[in-house]
Each structure stands twice: as structure tokens, then as C-alpha cells.
């Protein structure tokens, strides 16, 4: 599902600064989460992208590795467990994780309510993976071969199911 959430994604300042209010931006629903693009790679010359991701309870990512970008995840609301290179940690609002390219990682919302995180990719461009998944109507685990093929186009390697135990 592709849509625009609450109007324009950004307001530009005279010097090129971007202000993107909460909940506003180009959005899509993909792989059980809602992605709202706050700062598209196109707006930064490809150097960075920022997305707001709304994750339902027990939602998260499969175990994966990025070959092209570093990733920064910041928890805005809720409780999220992060698994990175064999280390598991549950964190809450204000927590920040730096996930360098090549690190094996996953996250899961381990709280009882939706979690809201921001995901910053350096360089930008990976955010378009979720829009491609949504446009193709792909779902996990039903469409894993097609998801894996699409992931390769973004230098993303899907390594297996999420290693973080679900709640309850």
C-alpha cells in the first residue's frame, strides 16, 4: 500500500534544512510495519535517509545484514529488543543503536503497544526497499524467495527468522 500521510513530507529551509513533522511523509505498509519516509535520499544527494517506522507488538525484522549502508535506530516510543552480532538487549525510548554495514541484526517490538522508531541509513536509498515490497504486495514468510531476490537488489542479505523470542 502506497500513500502520503498527512500531506507533504518535508518543509525546506533557505539553507536546505529539512523539517518533517511527526506522522507526515510518503508512507507504505510493508512486512507488517508502517514506514513513513521523513528525509528521502534524493533530498540529501544520496548521503542519508530517515524513516519513521511503526512496529506492532511482536513485529520486527528477519535476521539480516546490509552490505551497503550503516544504520542508526532510535526508539521513540515503546519497547524494542535489538539483536546485533549475537548480543541481545531490550531498550526503550531514547535508546540509539549504531549498526555498521556488515553487522548481522534484527529487532522486535517486545512491548504491549506499538513501537515507534526512526531508522537512518547512511548512505540513503535503502528506504526504497520497503516501497518496492509494498508495491509488489510481498509478504513474509509466504513470499520469501521473491523477497530475497528483491533484497539482493538493495545489497541486503536475509539470513533467517528473527532470533528474538516473541512475547508471551
C-alpha atoms as a PDB file:
ATOM      1  CA  UNK A   1       0.000   0.000   0.000  1.00  0.00           C
ATOM      2  CA  UNK A   2       1.477   3.349  -1.057  1.00  0.00           C
ATOM      3  CA  UNK A   3       0.149   6.648   0.186  1.00  0.00           C
ATOM      4  CA  UNK A   4       1.010  10.060   1.535  1.00  0.00           C
ATOM      5  CA  UNK A   5       0.397  10.561   5.233  1.00  0.00           C
ATOM      6  CA  UNK A   6      -0.966  13.966   6.303  1.00  0.00           C
ATOM      7  CA  UNK A   7       0.416  15.938   3.374  1.00  0.00           C
ATOM      8  CA  UNK A   8       3.934  16.974   2.456  1.00  0.00           C
ATOM      9  CA  UNK A   9       6.895  15.011   3.739  1.00  0.00           C
ATOM     10  CA  UNK A  10       9.105  17.983   4.375  1.00  0.00           C
ATOM     11  CA  UNK A  11       9.470  21.716   4.694  1.00  0.00           C
ATOM     12  CA  UNK A  12      12.676  23.158   3.266  1.00  0.00           C
ATOM     13  CA  UNK A  13      14.604  25.968   4.889  1.00  0.00           C
ATOM     14  CA  UNK A  14      16.556  28.519   2.873  1.00  0.00           C
ATOM     15  CA  UNK A  15      19.840  26.694   3.508  1.00  0.00           C
ATOM     16  CA  UNK A  16      18.472  23.288   2.505  1.00  0.00           C
ATOM     17  CA  UNK A  17      17.451  22.177   6.006  1.00  0.00           C
ATOM     18  CA  UNK A  18      14.511  19.766   6.113  1.00  0.00           C
ATOM     19  CA  UNK A  19      11.747  19.756   8.733  1.00  0.00           C
ATOM     20  CA  UNK A  20       9.425  16.777   8.609  1.00  0.00           C
ATOM     21  CA  UNK A  21       6.742  16.764  11.340  1.00  0.00           C
ATOM     22  CA  UNK A  22       5.744  13.574  13.129  1.00  0.00           C
ATOM     23  CA  UNK A  23       3.426  11.392  11.111  1.00  0.00           C
ATOM     24  CA  UNK A  24       3.949  13.265   7.845  1.00  0.00           C
ATOM     25  CA  UNK A  25       5.635  11.876   4.757  1.00  0.00           C
ATOM     26  CA  UNK A  26       5.356   9.357   1.964  1.00  0.00           C
ATOM     27  CA  UNK A  27       4.241   6.114   3.560  1.00  0.00           C
ATOM     28  CA  UNK A  28       3.792   2.430   2.908  1.00  0.00           C
ATOM     29  CA  UNK A  29       2.825  -0.700   4.782  1.00  0.00           C
ATOM     30  CA  UNK A  30       5.374  -3.464   4.259  1.00  0.00           C
ATOM     31  CA  UNK A  31       6.229  -6.684   6.086  1.00  0.00           C
ATOM     32  CA  UNK A  32       3.856  -5.939   8.955  1.00  0.00           C
ATOM     33  CA  UNK A  33       5.223  -2.467   9.713  1.00  0.00           C
ATOM     34  CA  UNK A  34       4.337   1.039   8.615  1.00  0.00           C
ATOM     35  CA  UNK A  35       7.128   3.144   7.061  1.00  0.00           C
ATOM     36  CA  UNK A  36       6.901   6.924   6.795  1.00  0.00           C
ATOM     37  CA  UNK A  37       9.716   8.479   4.824  1.00  0.00           C
ATOM     38  CA  UNK A  38      10.878  11.598   6.679  1.00  0.00           C
ATOM     39  CA  UNK A  39      14.029  12.538   4.732  1.00  0.00           C
ATOM     40  CA  UNK A  40      14.392  10.818   1.354  1.00  0.00           C
ATOM     41  CA  UNK A  41      17.834  10.060  -0.024  1.00  0.00           C
ATOM     42  CA  UNK A  42      17.006  12.247  -3.015  1.00  0.00           C
ATOM     43  CA  UNK A  43      16.823  15.276  -0.698  1.00  0.00           C
ATOM     44  CA  UNK A  44      20.348  14.684   0.652  1.00  0.00           C
ATOM     45  CA  UNK A  45      22.169  13.917  -2.559  1.00  0.00           C
ATOM     46  CA  UNK A  46      22.020  10.252  -1.539  1.00  0.00           C
ATOM     47  CA  UNK A  47      24.076  10.692   1.627  1.00  0.00           C
ATOM     48  CA  UNK A  48      21.321   9.868   4.138  1.00  0.00           C
ATOM     49  CA  UNK A  49      17.704   8.841   4.521  1.00  0.00           C
ATOM     50  CA  UNK A  50      15.476   8.879   7.588  1.00  0.00           C
ATOM     51  CA  UNK A  51      12.263   6.908   8.041  1.00  0.00           C
ATOM     52  CA  UNK A  52       9.810   6.635  10.903  1.00  0.00           C
ATOM     53  CA  UNK A  53       8.711   3.020  11.407  1.00  0.00           C
ATOM     54  CA  UNK A  54       5.647   1.967  13.390  1.00  0.00           C
ATOM     55  CA  UNK A  55       6.022  -1.606  14.627  1.00  0.00           C
ATOM     56  CA  UNK A  56       3.104  -3.594  16.116  1.00  0.00           C
ATOM     57  CA  UNK A  57       3.638  -5.805  19.179  1.00  0.00           C
ATOM     58  CA  UNK A  58       5.809  -8.808  18.181  1.00  0.00           C
ATOM     59  CA  UNK A  59       6.549  -7.152  14.827  1.00  0.00           C
ATOM     60  CA  UNK A  60      10.099  -6.768  13.619  1.00  0.00           C
ATOM     61  CA  UNK A  61      12.630  -7.811  11.028  1.00  0.00           C
ATOM     62  CA  UNK A  62      14.131 -11.099   9.944  1.00  0.00           C
ATOM     63  CA  UNK A  63      17.800 -11.607  10.742  1.00  0.00           C
ATOM     64  CA  UNK A  64      19.688  -9.661   8.067  1.00  0.00           C
ATOM     65  CA  UNK A  65      22.849  -7.887   7.001  1.00  0.00           C
ATOM     66  CA  UNK A  66      23.292  -4.704   4.940  1.00  0.00           C
ATOM     67  CA  UNK A  67      26.232  -4.657   2.552  1.00  0.00           C
ATOM     68  CA  UNK A  68      25.952  -1.016   1.526  1.00  0.00           C
ATOM     69  CA  UNK A  69      24.733   1.135   4.397  1.00  0.00           C
ATOM     70  CA  UNK A  70      25.272   1.803   8.066  1.00  0.00           C
ATOM     71  CA  UNK A  71      22.044   2.030  10.042  1.00  0.00           C
ATOM     72  CA  UNK A  72      21.053   4.003  13.125  1.00  0.00           C
ATOM     73  CA  UNK A  73      17.897   3.002  15.001  1.00  0.00           C
ATOM     74  CA  UNK A  74      16.417   5.272  17.663  1.00  0.00           C
ATOM     75  CA  UNK A  75      13.472   4.191  19.798  1.00  0.00           C
ATOM     76  CA  UNK A  76      10.911   6.976  20.090  1.00  0.00           C
ATOM     77  CA  UNK A  77       8.066   5.070  21.794  1.00  0.00           C
ATOM     78  CA  UNK A  78       7.647   1.550  23.124  1.00  0.00           C
ATOM     79  CA  UNK A  79       9.972  -1.320  23.982  1.00  0.00           C
ATOM     80  CA  UNK A  80      12.216  -2.866  21.338  1.00  0.00           C
ATOM     81  CA  UNK A  81      14.650  -5.745  21.589  1.00  0.00           C
ATOM     82  CA  UNK A  82      17.696  -5.443  19.341  1.00  0.00           C
ATOM     83  CA  UNK A  83      19.869  -8.406  18.366  1.00  0.00           C
ATOM     84  CA  UNK A  84      23.222  -7.470  16.848  1.00  0.00           C
ATOM     85  CA  UNK A  85      26.111  -9.842  16.190  1.00  0.00           C
ATOM     86  CA  UNK A  86      24.974 -12.213  18.937  1.00  0.00           C
ATOM     87  CA  UNK A  87      24.135  -9.615  21.593  1.00  0.00           C
ATOM     88  CA  UNK A  88      20.504  -9.117  22.655  1.00  0.00           C
ATOM     89  CA  UNK A  89      19.290  -6.057  24.530  1.00  0.00           C
ATOM     90  CA  UNK A  90      15.818  -4.674  25.277  1.00  0.00           C
ATOM     91  CA  UNK A  91      15.616  -0.876  25.177  1.00  0.00           C
ATOM     92  CA  UNK A  92      13.041   1.886  25.452  1.00  0.00           C
ATOM     93  CA  UNK A  93      12.513   5.491  24.399  1.00  0.00           C
ATOM     94  CA  UNK A  94      15.710   7.431  23.816  1.00  0.00           C
ATOM     95  CA  UNK A  95      17.856   4.376  23.086  1.00  0.00           C
ATOM     96  CA  UNK A  96      20.038   4.552  19.978  1.00  0.00           C
ATOM     97  CA  UNK A  97      21.745   1.682  18.155  1.00  0.00           C
ATOM     98  CA  UNK A  98      24.552   2.129  15.598  1.00  0.00           C
ATOM     99  CA  UNK A  99      24.555  -0.856  13.233  1.00  0.00           C
ATOM    100  CA  UNK A 100      27.545  -0.693  10.885  1.00  0.00           C
ATOM    101  CA  UNK A 101      27.275  -2.243   7.437  1.00  0.00           C
ATOM    102  CA  UNK A 102      28.046  -5.933   7.588  1.00  0.00           C
ATOM    103  CA  UNK A 103      26.648  -6.409  11.107  1.00  0.00           C
ATOM    104  CA  UNK A 104      24.064  -9.173  11.481  1.00  0.00           C
ATOM    105  CA  UNK A 105      21.000  -7.813  13.228  1.00  0.00           C
ATOM    106  CA  UNK A 106      17.245  -7.861  13.828  1.00  0.00           C
ATOM    107  CA  UNK A 107      14.735  -6.114  16.058  1.00  0.00           C
ATOM    108  CA  UNK A 108      11.358  -6.990  17.573  1.00  0.00           C
ATOM    109  CA  UNK A 109       8.757  -4.928  19.396  1.00  0.00           C
ATOM    110  CA  UNK A 110       8.651  -6.709  22.751  1.00  0.00           C
ATOM    111  CA  UNK A 111       6.133  -4.318  24.310  1.00  0.00           C
ATOM    112  CA  UNK A 112       2.350  -4.450  24.571  1.00  0.00           C
ATOM    113  CA  UNK A 113       1.759  -1.383  22.381  1.00  0.00           C
ATOM    114  CA  UNK A 114       3.009  -0.129  19.025  1.00  0.00           C
ATOM    115  CA  UNK A 115       6.638   0.909  18.996  1.00  0.00           C
ATOM    116  CA  UNK A 116       7.796   3.908  17.000  1.00  0.00           C
ATOM    117  CA  UNK A 117      11.408   4.079  15.835  1.00  0.00           C
ATOM    118  CA  UNK A 118      13.430   6.158  13.435  1.00  0.00           C
ATOM    119  CA  UNK A 119      15.788   4.425  11.046  1.00  0.00           C
ATOM    120  CA  UNK A 120      18.592   6.444   9.490  1.00  0.00           C
ATOM    121  CA  UNK A 121      20.584   4.889   6.641  1.00  0.00           C
ATOM    122  CA  UNK A 122      23.991   6.145   5.544  1.00  0.00           C
ATOM    123  CA  UNK A 123      24.120   6.345   2.572  1.00  0.00           C
ATOM    124  CA  UNK A 124      20.445   6.664   1.772  1.00  0.00           C
ATOM    125  CA  UNK A 125      18.474   4.661  -0.747  1.00  0.00           C
ATOM    126  CA  UNK A 126      17.634   1.516   1.207  1.00  0.00           C
ATOM    127  CA  UNK A 127      14.327   3.057   2.324  1.00  0.00           C
ATOM    128  CA  UNK A 128      13.007   2.338  -1.198  1.00  0.00           C
ATOM    129  CA  UNK A 129      13.218  -1.403  -0.489  1.00  0.00           C
ATOM    130  CA  UNK A 130      10.054  -1.168   1.633  1.00  0.00           C
ATOM    131  CA  UNK A 131       8.195   0.772  -1.039  1.00  0.00           C
ATOM    132  CA  UNK A 132       9.181  -1.903  -3.601  1.00  0.00           C
ATOM    133  CA  UNK A 133       7.968  -4.660  -1.243  1.00  0.00           C
ATOM    134  CA  UNK A 134       4.660  -2.838  -0.746  1.00  0.00           C
ATOM    135  CA  UNK A 135       4.195  -2.191  -4.481  1.00  0.00           C
ATOM    136  CA  UNK A 136       4.780  -5.875  -5.238  1.00  0.00           C
ATOM    137  CA  UNK A 137       2.444  -6.996  -2.427  1.00  0.00           C
ATOM    138  CA  UNK A 138       5.121  -9.287  -0.980  1.00  0.00           C
ATOM    139  CA  UNK A 139       4.612 -10.841   2.449  1.00  0.00           C
ATOM    140  CA  UNK A 140       6.800 -12.907   4.740  1.00  0.00           C
ATOM    141  CA  UNK A 141       7.036 -15.821   5.079  1.00  0.00           C
ATOM    142  CA  UNK A 142       4.800 -16.559   2.070  1.00  0.00           C
ATOM    143  CA  UNK A 143       6.996 -14.778  -0.490  1.00  0.00           C
ATOM    144  CA  UNK A 144      10.498 -15.392   0.909  1.00  0.00           C
ATOM    145  CA  UNK A 145      12.131 -16.351  -2.428  1.00  0.00           C
ATOM    146  CA  UNK A 146      10.816 -13.158  -4.076  1.00  0.00           C
ATOM    147  CA  UNK A 147      11.730 -11.077  -1.007  1.00  0.00           C
ATOM    148  CA  UNK A 148      15.262 -12.487  -1.015  1.00  0.00           C
ATOM    149  CA  UNK A 149      15.643 -11.666  -4.722  1.00  0.00           C
ATOM    150  CA  UNK A 150      14.404  -8.117  -4.198  1.00  0.00           C
ATOM    151  CA  UNK A 151      16.648  -7.734  -1.136  1.00  0.00           C
ATOM    152  CA  UNK A 152      19.699  -8.591  -3.245  1.00  0.00           C
ATOM    153  CA  UNK A 153      18.888  -5.565  -5.442  1.00  0.00           C
ATOM    154  CA  UNK A 154      19.470  -3.447  -2.300  1.00  0.00           C
ATOM    155  CA  UNK A 155      22.597  -5.353  -1.162  1.00  0.00           C
ATOM    156  CA  UNK A 156      20.553  -6.798   1.713  1.00  0.00           C
ATOM    157  CA  UNK A 157      21.060 -10.385   2.765  1.00  0.00           C
ATOM    158  CA  UNK A 158      18.133 -12.078   4.542  1.00  0.00           C
ATOM    159  CA  UNK A 159      19.720 -14.659   6.860  1.00  0.00           C
ATOM    160  CA  UNK A 160      16.777 -16.294   8.611  1.00  0.00           C
ATOM    161  CA  UNK A 161      13.902 -15.728  11.001  1.00  0.00           C
ATOM    162  CA  UNK A 162      14.039 -13.178  13.780  1.00  0.00           C
ATOM    163  CA  UNK A 163      16.141 -14.685  16.612  1.00  0.00           C
ATOM    164  CA  UNK A 164      14.341 -12.681  19.323  1.00  0.00           C
ATOM    165  CA  UNK A 165      11.634 -14.728  21.094  1.00  0.00           C
ATOM    166  CA  UNK A 166       8.105 -13.344  20.701  1.00  0.00           C
ATOM    167  CA  UNK A 167       6.269 -12.030  23.747  1.00  0.00           C
ATOM    168  CA  UNK A 168       4.327 -14.476  25.870  1.00  0.00           C
END
